[in-house]
């Protein structure tokens, strides 16, 4: 795990394997950013010119390494692009700093210590740089190495930082943030929040990256139980017998084709001064084959990520507890493995959901809405002030918004707008989506209360309308479809790794903070 320290040492005097400085994209070439004054001085004021000669432009995420001149205690200078130079009297925005720090951390894999001399004007900058560096240093490496390492990983070992795509290198050991004052209460609090938040995001990434032969509903529930004991969170696990007794037909129907039975996990974090309760519901399909409606070739290989919503909810609840937020947060993880077998739910079967409604299953690959329907209705019974569900729900949302943006649907326009604004604030790309009433008719069934499929066009919206049917009357609700950004298959960029990303955790935690402050939206 990468360590984080705050330092008031000068860039010219701190000993480190590398010194990270910022460079912006100016009208006439690269411009050295604040924080790099001592380094620029060591280059006789010609750092920008040297970078220009090397082809650097200051574009966002661009990384340029060069030998350090005499007078500095570090052998390597790493210049990272911050994007366009801010307008007069404006500072670099948090997301630019976050992405730059992440790109630098990835480029320094294998270093023992790196000093980051990026622009710091406020505590928000400290937090953004810390987040970017700690998220950028992440890699999932537990399945690389000796047989003993592999056995340890199956017993719950995780890798929350380090490595490389090739796997052999050690992680970046320590990040020292220059310009961040360890005795400044605001700076210290910002760093502590960043550490707690990124550790939980990386916990979610670890779970998403764990192969499905090791992450089953049962082992996922066990991981949650262990974390609950560590952080003072009450955890209740309903196994297949309890689910059958309770009438959770959606979760049972999805999980009945697998030899790994389903689970419904409830996490409860409470605070003595809380005035509001927020319920978070996560889709946790630990592997999705599509069931009898088997996915076509080429679509199965990454389906270990179909539990990303549950991982995000888990991480967000633990983060809320670690931060001591004055809000009650309940997490519901609907965990199942969707497999084809002689006992699997068939297209044409009718399931009786926990709410009592019946659902005609027209496509067993539309299983996420079935497990969520049960969990949403159970969450509604506790009468929270708001419910947010998170799910890798539809390929249609990826077609609509691409691989980096999640969709937001809600039964309350103001709440939807609030979540969208929160997501943008924390650096997660999102977009508000409608719930057109006319699409509901497409899910009418001749034999059941509702079908799990409707019109093909607007499929992501149809799924949202299905979920709306299982939200208790009068409860504010939002649905986040993170199918696009939850799992990144391309080359790493900024602080985003290849594989599980931990999408939506920052949004959920900020929503909990807003709720604690009395602004639920």
Protein backbone atom coordinates (compact mmCIF):
# COMPACT_ATOMS: atom_id res chain seq x y z
CA UNK A 1 0.00 0.00 0.00
CA UNK A 2 1.41 3.38 -0.96
CA UNK A 3 2.10 5.67 2.00
CA UNK A 4 1.21 9.36 1.98
CA UNK A 5 3.05 12.13 3.83
CA UNK A 6 2.66 15.90 3.88
CA UNK A 7 5.86 17.93 3.71
CA UNK A 8 6.91 21.56 3.95
CA UNK A 9 10.39 20.71 2.70
CA UNK A 10 11.64 22.56 -0.32
CA UNK A 11 11.68 20.80 -3.67
CA UNK A 12 15.42 21.38 -3.93
CA UNK A 13 16.24 19.79 -0.57
CA UNK A 14 13.93 16.75 -0.28
CA UNK A 15 15.53 13.39 -1.05
CA UNK A 16 13.42 11.16 -3.27
CA UNK A 17 13.74 8.85 -6.25
CA UNK A 18 11.81 11.31 -8.38
CA UNK A 19 10.34 14.79 -8.14
CA UNK A 20 7.00 15.44 -9.85
CA UNK A 21 6.24 18.91 -11.17
CA UNK A 22 3.35 20.28 -13.17
CA UNK A 23 3.47 21.79 -16.61
CA UNK A 24 0.53 23.46 -18.34
CA UNK A 25 -0.33 23.98 -21.97
CA UNK A 26 0.19 27.61 -22.87
CA UNK A 27 -0.50 29.50 -26.09
CA UNK A 28 3.18 29.44 -27.07
CA UNK A 29 4.26 26.16 -25.50
CA UNK A 30 4.59 24.51 -22.10
CA UNK A 31 4.33 26.67 -18.98
CA UNK A 32 5.84 25.65 -15.64
CA UNK A 33 3.11 25.41 -12.99
CA UNK A 34 3.28 26.73 -9.42
CA UNK A 35 5.17 24.43 -7.08
CA UNK A 36 8.03 23.90 -9.52
CA UNK A 37 9.85 27.20 -8.91
CA UNK A 38 12.90 25.59 -7.27
CA UNK A 39 13.20 23.07 -10.09
CA UNK A 40 12.89 25.78 -12.72
CA UNK A 41 15.60 27.73 -10.92
CA UNK A 42 17.89 24.67 -11.02
CA UNK A 43 17.39 24.68 -14.80
CA UNK A 44 18.42 28.37 -14.86
CA UNK A 45 14.82 29.32 -15.56
CA UNK A 46 14.74 27.23 -18.73
CA UNK A 47 12.67 24.21 -17.62
CA UNK A 48 9.83 25.12 -19.98
CA UNK A 49 12.26 25.51 -22.87
CA UNK A 50 13.88 22.14 -22.13
CA UNK A 51 10.49 20.45 -21.98
CA UNK A 52 9.49 22.11 -25.24
CA UNK A 53 12.65 20.78 -26.88
CA UNK A 54 11.77 17.29 -25.65
CA UNK A 55 8.34 17.57 -27.26
CA UNK A 56 6.30 18.21 -24.13
CA UNK A 57 3.23 20.41 -24.55
CA UNK A 58 1.61 20.38 -21.10
CA UNK A 59 -1.39 18.46 -22.38
CA UNK A 60 -3.40 16.66 -19.72
CA UNK A 61 -1.83 13.36 -18.66
CA UNK A 62 1.36 13.87 -20.65
CA UNK A 63 4.43 12.57 -18.80
CA UNK A 64 8.03 13.60 -19.50
CA UNK A 65 11.02 12.29 -17.56
CA UNK A 66 14.39 14.06 -17.57
CA UNK A 67 17.58 13.94 -15.49
CA UNK A 68 17.70 16.39 -12.59
CA UNK A 69 20.38 19.09 -12.77
CA UNK A 70 22.91 19.63 -10.00
CA UNK A 71 21.52 21.35 -6.94
CA UNK A 72 18.58 18.98 -6.51
CA UNK A 73 18.54 15.96 -4.17
CA UNK A 74 16.58 13.82 -6.60
CA UNK A 75 17.99 12.13 -9.73
CA UNK A 76 14.84 12.34 -11.85
CA UNK A 77 12.35 15.07 -12.69
CA UNK A 78 8.95 13.96 -13.92
CA UNK A 79 6.91 16.70 -15.57
CA UNK A 80 3.21 15.88 -15.84
CA UNK A 81 0.72 17.77 -17.99
CA UNK A 82 -2.10 19.70 -16.31
CA UNK A 83 -3.90 20.81 -19.43
CA UNK A 84 -4.63 24.40 -20.37
CA UNK A 85 -3.26 27.23 -18.26
CA UNK A 86 -6.12 28.54 -16.05
CA UNK A 87 -7.67 31.89 -16.79
CA UNK A 88 -6.38 34.86 -14.81
CA UNK A 89 -7.21 34.64 -11.08
CA UNK A 90 -8.36 31.02 -11.46
CA UNK A 91 -6.66 27.95 -10.00
CA UNK A 92 -6.12 24.51 -11.51
CA UNK A 93 -9.30 22.52 -11.03
CA UNK A 94 -9.32 19.50 -8.75
CA UNK A 95 -9.87 16.94 -11.50
CA UNK A 96 -6.86 18.21 -13.49
CA UNK A 97 -4.68 17.83 -10.40
CA UNK A 98 -6.20 14.43 -9.63
CA UNK A 99 -5.55 13.08 -13.11
CA UNK A 100 -2.04 14.53 -13.27
CA UNK A 101 -1.10 12.99 -9.92
CA UNK A 102 -2.51 9.66 -11.05
CA UNK A 103 -0.55 9.69 -14.31
CA UNK A 104 2.64 10.54 -12.41
CA UNK A 105 2.09 7.77 -9.85
CA UNK A 106 1.59 5.20 -12.61
CA UNK A 107 4.77 6.34 -14.33
CA UNK A 108 6.76 5.92 -11.11
CA UNK A 109 5.87 2.29 -10.42
CA UNK A 110 8.83 0.66 -8.70
CA UNK A 111 10.11 3.83 -7.02
CA UNK A 112 10.52 3.84 -3.26
CA UNK A 113 9.64 7.50 -2.78
CA UNK A 114 8.38 10.28 -4.99
CA UNK A 115 7.89 13.93 -4.08
CA UNK A 116 4.95 15.72 -5.71
CA UNK A 117 5.43 19.46 -6.19
CA UNK A 118 2.12 20.21 -7.91
CA UNK A 119 0.12 23.42 -7.39
CA UNK A 120 -1.30 23.65 -3.86
CA UNK A 121 -3.37 26.69 -2.99
CA UNK A 122 -6.01 25.17 -0.71
CA UNK A 123 -6.92 22.01 1.20
CA UNK A 124 -9.00 20.90 -1.79
CA UNK A 125 -5.79 20.75 -3.85
CA UNK A 126 -4.11 18.58 -1.22
CA UNK A 127 -7.06 16.19 -1.31
CA UNK A 128 -7.18 16.03 -5.11
CA UNK A 129 -3.45 15.36 -5.50
CA UNK A 130 -3.52 12.75 -2.74
CA UNK A 131 -6.52 11.01 -4.28
CA UNK A 132 -4.97 10.96 -7.72
CA UNK A 133 -1.61 9.66 -6.51
CA UNK A 134 -3.07 6.91 -4.31
CA UNK A 135 -5.54 5.80 -6.97
CA UNK A 136 -2.94 5.99 -9.71
CA UNK A 137 -0.54 3.80 -7.73
CA UNK A 138 -3.05 0.94 -7.70
CA UNK A 139 -2.63 -2.37 -9.52
CA UNK A 140 -4.08 -5.80 -8.84
CA UNK A 141 -1.18 -8.24 -8.43
CA UNK A 142 -2.30 -10.95 -5.99
CA UNK A 143 -2.48 -13.63 -8.69
CA UNK A 144 1.10 -13.06 -9.80
CA UNK A 145 4.07 -14.69 -8.10
CA UNK A 146 4.66 -17.92 -6.21
CA UNK A 147 2.17 -20.69 -5.48
CA UNK A 148 2.15 -19.54 -1.86
CA UNK A 149 1.18 -16.03 -2.92
CA UNK A 150 -1.69 -17.43 -4.95
CA UNK A 151 -2.90 -19.54 -2.01
CA UNK A 152 -2.71 -16.51 0.27
CA UNK A 153 -4.75 -14.46 -2.19
CA UNK A 154 -7.53 -17.04 -2.16
CA UNK A 155 -7.66 -16.69 1.60
CA UNK A 156 -8.55 -13.03 1.37
CA UNK A 157 -5.23 -11.40 0.51
CA UNK A 158 -5.52 -8.30 -1.68
CA UNK A 159 -3.22 -5.85 -3.40
CA UNK A 160 -4.45 -2.30 -2.97
CA UNK A 161 -1.60 -0.58 -4.71
CA UNK A 162 1.40 -1.05 -6.88
CA UNK A 163 2.70 -3.38 -9.51
CA UNK A 164 2.43 -2.79 -13.22
CA UNK A 165 0.41 -4.25 -16.03
CA UNK A 166 3.20 -6.80 -16.35
CA UNK A 167 3.03 -7.43 -12.63
CA UNK A 168 6.67 -7.83 -11.55
CA UNK A 169 7.53 -4.38 -10.18
CA UNK A 170 6.98 -3.25 -6.61
CA UNK A 171 4.49 -0.44 -6.00
CA UNK A 172 5.38 3.19 -5.52
CA UNK A 173 6.29 3.10 -1.85
CA UNK A 174 5.69 6.64 -0.63
CA UNK A 175 4.18 9.86 -1.91
CA UNK A 176 5.35 13.09 -0.27
CA UNK A 177 3.09 16.07 -1.03
CA UNK A 178 5.15 19.24 -1.05
CA UNK A 179 3.35 22.44 -0.11
CA UNK A 180 0.93 20.47 2.05
CA UNK A 181 1.37 21.39 5.69
CA UNK A 182 1.19 18.50 8.20
CA UNK A 183 0.28 20.89 11.05
CA UNK A 184 -2.45 22.65 9.10
CA UNK A 185 -5.77 21.17 10.29
CA UNK A 186 -7.46 21.61 6.91
CA UNK A 187 -4.54 20.06 5.01
CA UNK A 188 -4.31 17.16 7.47
CA UNK A 189 -8.06 16.51 7.31
CA UNK A 190 -7.97 16.61 3.50
CA UNK A 191 -5.16 14.04 3.42
CA UNK A 192 -6.91 11.77 5.93
CA UNK A 193 -10.14 11.88 3.92
CA UNK A 194 -8.21 11.06 0.74
CA UNK A 195 -6.52 8.07 2.39
CA UNK A 196 -9.79 6.64 3.72
CA UNK A 197 -11.63 7.22 0.46
CA UNK A 198 -8.96 5.81 -1.84
CA UNK A 199 -8.39 2.75 0.32
CA UNK A 200 -12.08 1.93 0.03
CA UNK A 201 -12.14 2.61 -3.71
CA UNK A 202 -9.17 0.29 -4.05
CA UNK A 203 -11.01 -2.27 -1.91
CA UNK A 204 -13.84 -2.14 -4.44
CA UNK A 205 -11.34 -2.47 -7.29
CA UNK A 206 -9.82 -5.54 -5.66
CA UNK A 207 -13.22 -7.22 -5.41
CA UNK A 208 -14.12 -6.38 -9.01
CA UNK A 209 -10.80 -7.75 -10.26
CA UNK A 210 -11.01 -10.98 -8.24
CA UNK A 211 -11.83 -13.91 -10.56
CA UNK A 212 -15.27 -15.49 -10.07
CA UNK A 213 -13.87 -18.86 -8.98
CA UNK A 214 -12.65 -17.05 -5.84
CA UNK A 215 -15.36 -14.41 -5.44
CA UNK A 216 -18.71 -16.10 -4.96
CA UNK A 217 -21.76 -14.68 -3.17
CA UNK A 218 -20.65 -16.53 -0.04
CA UNK A 219 -17.04 -15.29 -0.08
CA UNK A 220 -18.18 -11.76 -0.92
CA UNK A 221 -20.48 -11.85 2.12
CA UNK A 222 -17.60 -13.13 4.25
CA UNK A 223 -15.41 -10.20 3.15
CA UNK A 224 -18.17 -7.78 4.11
CA UNK A 225 -18.60 -9.43 7.50
CA UNK A 226 -14.88 -9.11 8.21
CA UNK A 227 -14.81 -5.43 7.24
CA UNK A 228 -17.90 -4.79 9.35
CA UNK A 229 -16.16 -6.13 12.45
CA UNK A 230 -13.11 -3.98 11.74
CA UNK A 231 -15.03 -0.73 11.27
CA UNK A 232 -17.95 -1.10 13.65
CA UNK A 233 -20.59 -1.76 10.99
CA UNK A 234 -23.43 -4.17 11.70
CA UNK A 235 -23.66 -6.87 9.02
CA UNK A 236 -26.57 -9.23 8.44
CA UNK A 237 -26.33 -12.01 5.84
CA UNK A 238 -29.38 -13.79 4.50
CA UNK A 239 -28.41 -17.17 3.02
CA UNK A 240 -30.47 -19.20 0.57
CA UNK A 241 -32.64 -20.67 3.33
CA UNK A 242 -33.42 -17.25 4.80
CA UNK A 243 -34.09 -15.87 1.33
CA UNK A 244 -36.55 -18.69 0.61
CA UNK A 245 -38.29 -18.19 3.95
CA UNK A 246 -38.53 -14.45 3.29
CA UNK A 247 -39.88 -14.84 -0.23
CA UNK A 248 -37.04 -13.19 -2.13
CA UNK A 249 -38.04 -14.72 -5.46
CA UNK A 250 -35.97 -12.38 -7.61
CA UNK A 251 -32.62 -13.11 -5.96
CA UNK A 252 -33.38 -16.82 -5.66
CA UNK A 253 -34.59 -17.03 -9.27
CA UNK A 254 -31.34 -15.57 -10.59
CA UNK A 255 -29.14 -17.67 -8.34
CA UNK A 256 -30.90 -21.02 -8.63
CA UNK A 257 -28.91 -22.17 -11.65
CA UNK A 258 -25.59 -21.98 -9.80
CA UNK A 259 -24.00 -24.33 -7.30
CA UNK A 260 -22.92 -21.16 -5.45
CA UNK A 261 -26.14 -20.00 -3.73
CA UNK A 262 -27.15 -16.33 -3.49
CA UNK A 263 -26.93 -13.96 -0.54
CA UNK A 264 -28.54 -10.69 0.50
CA UNK A 265 -26.20 -8.69 2.72
CA UNK A 266 -27.24 -5.72 4.83
CA UNK A 267 -24.66 -3.29 6.21
CA UNK A 268 -25.79 -0.78 8.82
CA UNK A 269 -23.73 2.25 9.84
CA UNK A 270 -25.36 4.57 12.37
CA UNK A 271 -24.31 7.83 13.99
CA UNK A 272 -25.69 9.22 17.22
CA UNK A 273 -26.19 12.68 15.72
CA UNK A 274 -27.69 11.53 12.42
CA UNK A 275 -30.95 13.13 11.34
CA UNK A 276 -31.28 11.34 7.99
CA UNK A 277 -30.94 7.81 6.67
CA UNK A 278 -29.56 6.98 3.24
CA UNK A 279 -30.02 3.50 1.76
CA UNK A 280 -27.62 2.27 -0.92
CA UNK A 281 -28.44 -0.83 -2.99
CA UNK A 282 -25.87 -2.62 -5.14
CA UNK A 283 -26.16 -5.22 -7.87
CA UNK A 284 -23.78 -8.04 -7.01
CA UNK A 285 -23.76 -10.63 -9.78
CA UNK A 286 -20.40 -12.26 -9.06
CA UNK A 287 -20.45 -13.84 -12.51
CA UNK A 288 -22.99 -13.31 -15.27
CA UNK A 289 -23.12 -15.95 -17.99
CA UNK A 290 -26.53 -14.70 -19.06
CA UNK A 291 -28.13 -17.88 -17.69
CA UNK A 292 -30.20 -19.87 -20.17
CA UNK A 293 -30.20 -16.73 -22.37
CA UNK A 294 -26.47 -17.29 -22.70
CA UNK A 295 -24.31 -14.33 -23.68
CA UNK A 296 -22.71 -14.55 -27.13
CA UNK A 297 -19.04 -15.38 -27.53
CA UNK A 298 -16.79 -12.51 -26.60
CA UNK A 299 -19.13 -11.10 -23.96
CA UNK A 300 -18.36 -13.47 -21.08
CA UNK A 301 -14.73 -12.76 -20.37
CA UNK A 302 -15.21 -9.64 -18.21
CA UNK A 303 -18.44 -10.65 -16.50
CA UNK A 304 -16.71 -10.95 -13.15
CA UNK A 305 -17.27 -7.18 -13.05
CA UNK A 306 -21.05 -7.51 -12.83
CA UNK A 307 -20.83 -7.07 -9.06
CA UNK A 308 -19.31 -3.59 -9.36
CA UNK A 309 -22.43 -1.92 -7.98
CA UNK A 310 -22.34 -4.02 -4.82
CA UNK A 311 -18.60 -3.36 -4.46
CA UNK A 312 -19.23 0.38 -4.74
CA UNK A 313 -21.99 0.29 -2.12
CA UNK A 314 -19.82 -1.78 0.22
CA UNK A 315 -16.90 0.63 -0.16
CA UNK A 316 -19.11 3.69 0.32
CA UNK A 317 -20.63 2.42 3.56
CA UNK A 318 -17.20 1.56 5.00
CA UNK A 319 -15.87 4.97 3.92
CA UNK A 320 -18.80 6.71 5.64
CA UNK A 321 -17.99 4.80 8.82
CA UNK A 322 -14.27 5.59 8.63
CA UNK A 323 -15.03 9.27 8.10
CA UNK A 324 -17.51 9.28 10.99
CA UNK A 325 -20.22 10.98 8.95
CA UNK A 326 -23.29 12.16 10.91
CA UNK A 327 -25.72 10.21 8.76
CA UNK A 328 -27.17 6.72 8.96
CA UNK A 329 -26.15 4.68 5.92
CA UNK A 330 -27.55 1.27 5.08
CA UNK A 331 -26.05 -0.83 2.33
CA UNK A 332 -27.85 -3.69 0.59
CA UNK A 333 -25.80 -6.09 -1.52
CA UNK A 334 -27.86 -8.40 -3.75
CA UNK A 335 -25.38 -11.19 -4.48
CA UNK A 336 -25.92 -14.05 -6.92
CA UNK A 337 -24.19 -15.99 -9.67
CA UNK A 338 -26.16 -16.22 -12.92
CA UNK A 339 -25.45 -19.61 -14.50
CA UNK A 340 -27.17 -22.00 -16.95
CA UNK A 341 -28.02 -25.45 -15.64
CA UNK A 342 -30.88 -27.88 -15.25
CA UNK A 343 -32.10 -25.90 -12.24
CA UNK A 344 -31.76 -22.45 -13.81
CA UNK A 345 -34.65 -20.06 -14.37
CA UNK A 346 -35.96 -20.42 -17.94
CA UNK A 347 -37.23 -17.74 -20.31
CA UNK A 348 -40.98 -17.86 -19.78
CA UNK A 349 -40.82 -18.64 -16.05
CA UNK A 350 -42.71 -16.41 -13.62
CA UNK A 351 -41.06 -15.32 -10.37
CA UNK A 352 -42.84 -13.91 -7.35
CA UNK A 353 -40.73 -11.05 -6.04
CA UNK A 354 -40.26 -10.07 -2.39
CA UNK A 355 -42.77 -7.25 -2.91
CA UNK A 356 -45.41 -9.78 -3.95
CA UNK A 357 -45.41 -8.72 -7.60
CA UNK A 358 -44.95 -11.40 -10.23
CA UNK A 359 -42.41 -11.06 -13.04
CA UNK A 360 -42.42 -12.96 -16.31
CA UNK A 361 -38.79 -13.62 -17.17
CA UNK A 362 -38.42 -13.14 -20.92
CA UNK A 363 -34.64 -12.95 -20.84
CA UNK A 364 -32.51 -14.47 -18.07
CA UNK A 365 -29.69 -12.09 -19.00
CA UNK A 366 -31.82 -9.22 -17.67
CA UNK A 367 -31.11 -10.57 -14.19
CA UNK A 368 -29.72 -7.50 -12.45
CA UNK A 369 -33.12 -5.83 -12.26
CA UNK A 370 -34.52 -8.97 -10.62
CA UNK A 371 -32.06 -9.05 -7.71
CA UNK A 372 -32.27 -5.28 -7.34
CA UNK A 373 -36.07 -5.39 -7.30
CA UNK A 374 -36.02 -7.57 -4.20
CA UNK A 375 -33.32 -5.50 -2.49
CA UNK A 376 -35.04 -2.18 -3.31
CA UNK A 377 -38.34 -3.32 -1.82
CA UNK A 378 -36.60 -4.64 1.30
CA UNK A 379 -34.67 -1.36 1.65
CA UNK A 380 -37.94 0.56 1.24
CA UNK A 381 -39.45 -1.25 4.22
CA UNK A 382 -37.03 0.58 6.53
CA UNK A 383 -38.39 3.94 5.31
CA UNK A 384 -35.07 5.68 4.51
CA UNK A 385 -35.06 9.32 3.45
CA UNK A 386 -33.62 8.32 0.07
CA UNK A 387 -32.48 5.23 -1.81
CA UNK A 388 -29.75 5.08 -4.43
CA UNK A 389 -29.09 1.88 -6.34
CA UNK A 390 -25.91 1.24 -8.30
CA UNK A 391 -25.56 -1.37 -11.02
CA UNK A 392 -23.75 -2.44 -14.16
CA UNK A 393 -27.25 -2.86 -15.51
CA UNK A 394 -27.47 -2.43 -19.29
CA UNK A 395 -25.36 -2.49 -22.41
CA UNK A 396 -27.80 0.10 -23.71
CA UNK A 397 -26.37 2.66 -21.28
CA UNK A 398 -22.88 2.03 -22.66
CA UNK A 399 -24.20 2.60 -26.18
CA UNK A 400 -25.84 5.82 -25.04
CA UNK A 401 -23.07 7.34 -22.90
CA UNK A 402 -19.86 5.49 -23.74
CA UNK A 403 -17.32 3.86 -21.45
CA UNK A 404 -16.58 6.75 -19.08
CA UNK A 405 -19.99 8.14 -18.13
CA UNK A 406 -22.72 6.64 -15.96
CA UNK A 407 -26.40 7.42 -16.30
CA UNK A 408 -28.63 8.78 -13.52
CA UNK A 409 -32.36 8.13 -13.37
CA UNK A 410 -34.69 9.15 -10.56
CA UNK A 411 -38.30 9.60 -9.47
CA UNK A 412 -37.32 13.09 -8.29
CA UNK A 413 -35.84 15.58 -10.73
CA UNK A 414 -34.18 17.70 -8.03
CA UNK A 415 -32.52 14.61 -6.52
CA UNK A 416 -31.30 13.50 -9.94
CA UNK A 417 -29.83 16.96 -10.54
CA UNK A 418 -28.17 16.96 -7.14
CA UNK A 419 -26.47 13.61 -7.75
CA UNK A 420 -25.32 14.75 -11.18
CA UNK A 421 -23.78 17.90 -9.66
CA UNK A 422 -22.11 15.86 -6.91
CA UNK A 423 -20.63 13.44 -9.45
CA UNK A 424 -19.22 16.30 -11.51
CA UNK A 425 -17.81 17.89 -8.34
CA UNK A 426 -15.86 14.77 -7.35
CA UNK A 427 -14.63 14.09 -10.87
CA UNK A 428 -16.95 11.26 -11.96
CA UNK A 429 -18.55 11.71 -15.36
CA UNK A 430 -22.32 11.25 -15.31
CA UNK A 431 -25.43 12.30 -17.19
CA UNK A 432 -29.08 12.68 -16.11
CA UNK A 433 -31.43 10.37 -18.01
CA UNK A 434 -35.25 10.39 -18.24
CA UNK A 435 -37.80 7.74 -17.28
CA UNK A 436 -40.35 8.11 -20.12
CA UNK A 437 -43.74 6.84 -18.94
CA UNK A 438 -44.66 5.53 -22.39
CA UNK A 439 -41.90 2.89 -22.21
CA UNK A 440 -43.59 1.19 -19.26
CA UNK A 441 -46.28 -0.36 -21.48
CA UNK A 442 -43.65 -2.44 -23.26
CA UNK A 443 -43.18 -4.45 -20.06
CA UNK A 444 -46.83 -5.47 -19.81
CA UNK A 445 -47.16 -9.24 -19.49
CA UNK A 446 -50.21 -11.33 -20.44
CA UNK A 447 -49.73 -13.61 -17.41
CA UNK A 448 -47.77 -11.65 -14.77
CA UNK A 449 -47.75 -8.20 -13.22
CA UNK A 450 -44.73 -7.16 -15.27
CA UNK A 451 -42.14 -8.64 -17.64
CA UNK A 452 -38.42 -8.17 -17.12
CA UNK A 453 -38.00 -6.94 -20.70
CA UNK A 454 -39.62 -4.16 -22.71
CA UNK A 455 -38.82 -2.19 -25.83
CA UNK A 456 -35.30 -2.73 -27.17
CA UNK A 457 -34.79 0.93 -28.00
CA UNK A 458 -34.12 2.85 -24.82
CA UNK A 459 -33.27 -0.36 -22.99
CA UNK A 460 -31.39 1.45 -20.23
CA UNK A 461 -34.45 3.59 -19.50
CA UNK A 462 -36.71 0.54 -19.57
CA UNK A 463 -34.53 -1.07 -16.90
CA UNK A 464 -34.84 2.06 -14.78
CA UNK A 465 -38.63 1.98 -15.12
CA UNK A 466 -38.63 -1.66 -14.01
CA UNK A 467 -36.67 -0.77 -10.86
CA UNK A 468 -39.01 2.12 -10.12
CA UNK A 469 -41.81 -0.44 -9.69
CA UNK A 470 -40.01 -1.79 -6.60
CA UNK A 471 -39.38 1.48 -4.76
CA UNK A 472 -41.67 2.13 -1.81
CA UNK A 473 -44.32 4.82 -2.18
CA UNK A 474 -43.15 8.31 -1.27
CA UNK A 475 -39.44 7.41 -1.11
CA UNK A 476 -36.96 9.50 -3.06
CA UNK A 477 -34.91 7.19 -5.29
CA UNK A 478 -32.17 7.32 -7.88
CA UNK A 479 -30.61 4.67 -10.09
CA UNK A 480 -27.00 4.83 -11.30
CA UNK A 481 -26.24 2.64 -14.31
CA UNK A 482 -22.45 2.33 -14.20
CA UNK A 483 -22.16 -0.29 -16.95
CA UNK A 484 -19.78 1.93 -18.95
CA UNK A 485 -17.18 3.16 -16.44
CA UNK A 486 -17.19 0.26 -13.92
CA UNK A 487 -14.61 -1.83 -15.77
CA UNK A 488 -11.90 -0.35 -17.99
CA UNK A 489 -10.56 -2.64 -20.71
CA UNK A 490 -8.24 -0.15 -22.41
CA UNK A 491 -4.87 1.30 -21.45
CA UNK A 492 -4.69 3.03 -18.05
CA UNK A 493 -5.06 6.80 -18.01
CA UNK A 494 -4.85 9.41 -15.28
CA UNK A 495 -5.74 7.60 -12.05
CA UNK A 496 -7.91 5.02 -13.86
CA UNK A 497 -6.34 1.54 -14.06
CA UNK A 498 -7.04 -1.34 -16.37
CA UNK A 499 -9.82 -3.45 -14.85
CA UNK A 500 -12.11 -2.48 -11.99
CA UNK A 501 -12.35 1.26 -11.40
CA UNK A 502 -14.48 1.74 -8.28
CA UNK A 503 -16.87 3.95 -10.24
CA UNK A 504 -19.50 5.85 -8.22
CA UNK A 505 -17.85 5.39 -4.79
CA UNK A 506 -16.78 9.04 -4.65
CA UNK A 507 -20.27 10.16 -5.66
CA UNK A 508 -21.94 8.02 -3.00
CA UNK A 509 -19.60 9.19 -0.25
CA UNK A 510 -20.07 12.85 -1.19
CA UNK A 511 -23.84 12.31 -1.21
CA UNK A 512 -23.56 10.87 2.31
CA UNK A 513 -21.52 13.91 3.37
CA UNK A 514 -24.11 16.26 1.88
CA UNK A 515 -26.88 14.36 3.65
CA UNK A 516 -25.00 14.61 6.95
CA UNK A 517 -24.74 18.37 6.38
CA UNK A 518 -28.52 18.60 5.92
CA UNK A 519 -28.54 18.88 2.13
CA UNK A 520 -30.04 15.72 0.68
CA UNK A 521 -31.03 17.48 -2.53
